[in-house]
Protein backbone atom coordinates (compact mmCIF):
# COMPACT_ATOMS: atom_id res chain seq x y z
CA MET A 1 -56.21 199.78 110.66
CA LYS A 2 -59.91 200.20 110.41
CA ASN A 3 -59.62 202.28 107.38
CA SER A 4 -57.24 199.35 106.01
CA LYS A 5 -59.82 196.74 106.26
CA LEU A 6 -62.59 198.85 104.65
CA ALA A 7 -60.75 199.24 102.26
CA ILE A 8 -59.78 195.75 101.67
CA SER A 9 -62.94 194.63 102.30
CA ALA A 10 -64.26 197.06 99.22
CA ALA A 11 -61.81 195.92 97.13
CA ILE A 12 -62.95 192.54 97.54
CA GLY A 13 -66.31 193.16 97.18
CA SER A 14 -65.69 195.23 93.91
CA LEU A 15 -63.80 192.02 93.01
CA ILE A 16 -66.80 189.74 93.49
CA ALA A 17 -69.17 191.65 91.63
CA PHE A 18 -66.93 192.12 88.84
CA GLY A 19 -66.73 188.25 88.64
CA ALA A 20 -70.34 187.85 89.34
CA THR A 21 -71.52 190.08 86.23
CA THR A 22 -68.31 188.56 83.77
CA ALA A 23 -69.65 185.31 84.48
CA MET A 24 -73.25 186.19 83.91
CA GLN A 25 -72.43 187.94 80.91
CA ALA A 26 -70.30 185.12 79.47
CA GLN A 27 -72.90 182.58 80.23
CA ALA A 28 -75.47 184.50 78.60
CA ALA A 29 -73.68 184.79 75.84
CA GLY A 30 -72.37 181.59 75.36
CA ASP A 31 -74.48 178.67 76.59
CA ASN A 32 -77.79 180.06 76.62
CA GLU A 33 -80.52 181.43 73.71
CA LYS A 34 -83.44 183.67 73.74
CA CYS A 35 -86.76 181.72 74.20
CA TYR A 36 -89.72 183.64 73.18
CA GLY A 37 -93.53 183.26 74.51
CA VAL A 38 -92.65 182.04 77.74
CA ALA A 39 -92.14 184.83 80.08
CA LYS A 40 -94.53 185.68 82.74
CA ALA A 41 -95.67 189.72 82.72
CA GLY A 42 -92.58 191.62 83.67
CA LYS A 43 -90.11 188.82 83.85
CA ASN A 44 -88.93 189.28 80.43
CA ASP A 45 -84.65 189.82 79.84
CA CYS A 46 -85.01 192.42 77.22
CA GLN A 47 -87.24 194.55 74.92
CA THR A 48 -90.20 193.65 73.22
CA SER A 49 -91.93 195.42 70.30
CA THR A 50 -93.97 197.70 72.66
CA SER A 51 -91.48 198.50 75.70
CA SER A 52 -87.67 199.31 75.55
CA CYS A 53 -86.91 197.41 78.86
CA ALA A 54 -86.50 194.40 80.74
CA GLY A 55 -88.76 193.30 83.17
CA THR A 56 -91.81 195.37 81.28
CA SER A 57 -93.73 192.87 79.25
CA THR A 58 -97.71 193.50 79.75
CA SER A 59 -98.78 189.55 80.15
CA ASP A 60 -97.87 186.19 80.54
CA ASN A 61 -96.23 184.37 77.41
CA GLN A 62 -96.23 187.81 75.35
CA THR A 63 -94.86 186.04 72.13
CA ASP A 64 -92.33 189.01 71.37
CA ALA A 65 -90.87 188.69 74.72
CA TRP A 66 -87.97 186.78 75.24
CA VAL A 67 -85.86 185.27 78.54
CA TYR A 68 -82.17 183.88 78.09
CA LEU A 69 -82.80 180.36 78.96
CA PRO A 70 -79.87 176.97 78.57
CA LYS A 71 -79.87 175.90 74.88
CA GLY A 72 -82.13 173.21 74.20
CA ILE A 73 -84.67 174.06 77.00
CA CYS A 74 -86.86 176.27 74.86
CA GLY A 75 -88.31 173.84 72.09
CA LYS A 76 -89.20 171.53 75.07
CA LEU A 77 -91.65 174.59 76.50
CA ALA A 78 -95.11 174.96 75.49
CA GLY A 79 -95.09 178.55 73.56
CA GLY A 80 -91.57 178.61 73.36
CA SER A 81 -90.18 179.96 70.16
CA LEU A 82 -86.48 180.55 69.33
CA GLU A 83 -88.12 183.44 67.06
CA PRO A 84 -90.49 186.16 68.21
CA THR A 85 -94.38 185.62 66.57
CA SER A 86 -96.78 188.14 65.69
């Protein structure tokens, strides 16, 4: 009985995790846009010209570091740009 409850719990947990990941990917691709120049140090979503991983920007508002934001928000932020700047 305990093994079947454990298996059911594990299966439900896997489905929830899969659903959350799928929803995040759809949200990132559909209703969001890359916004450059507004990420805090270490909070960027992807690579920069000087690093290859998310979370590796070295300074606040680094002009080549971006974060996903809902469409239309980036242009309202000080320093926000839809394209990287140098």
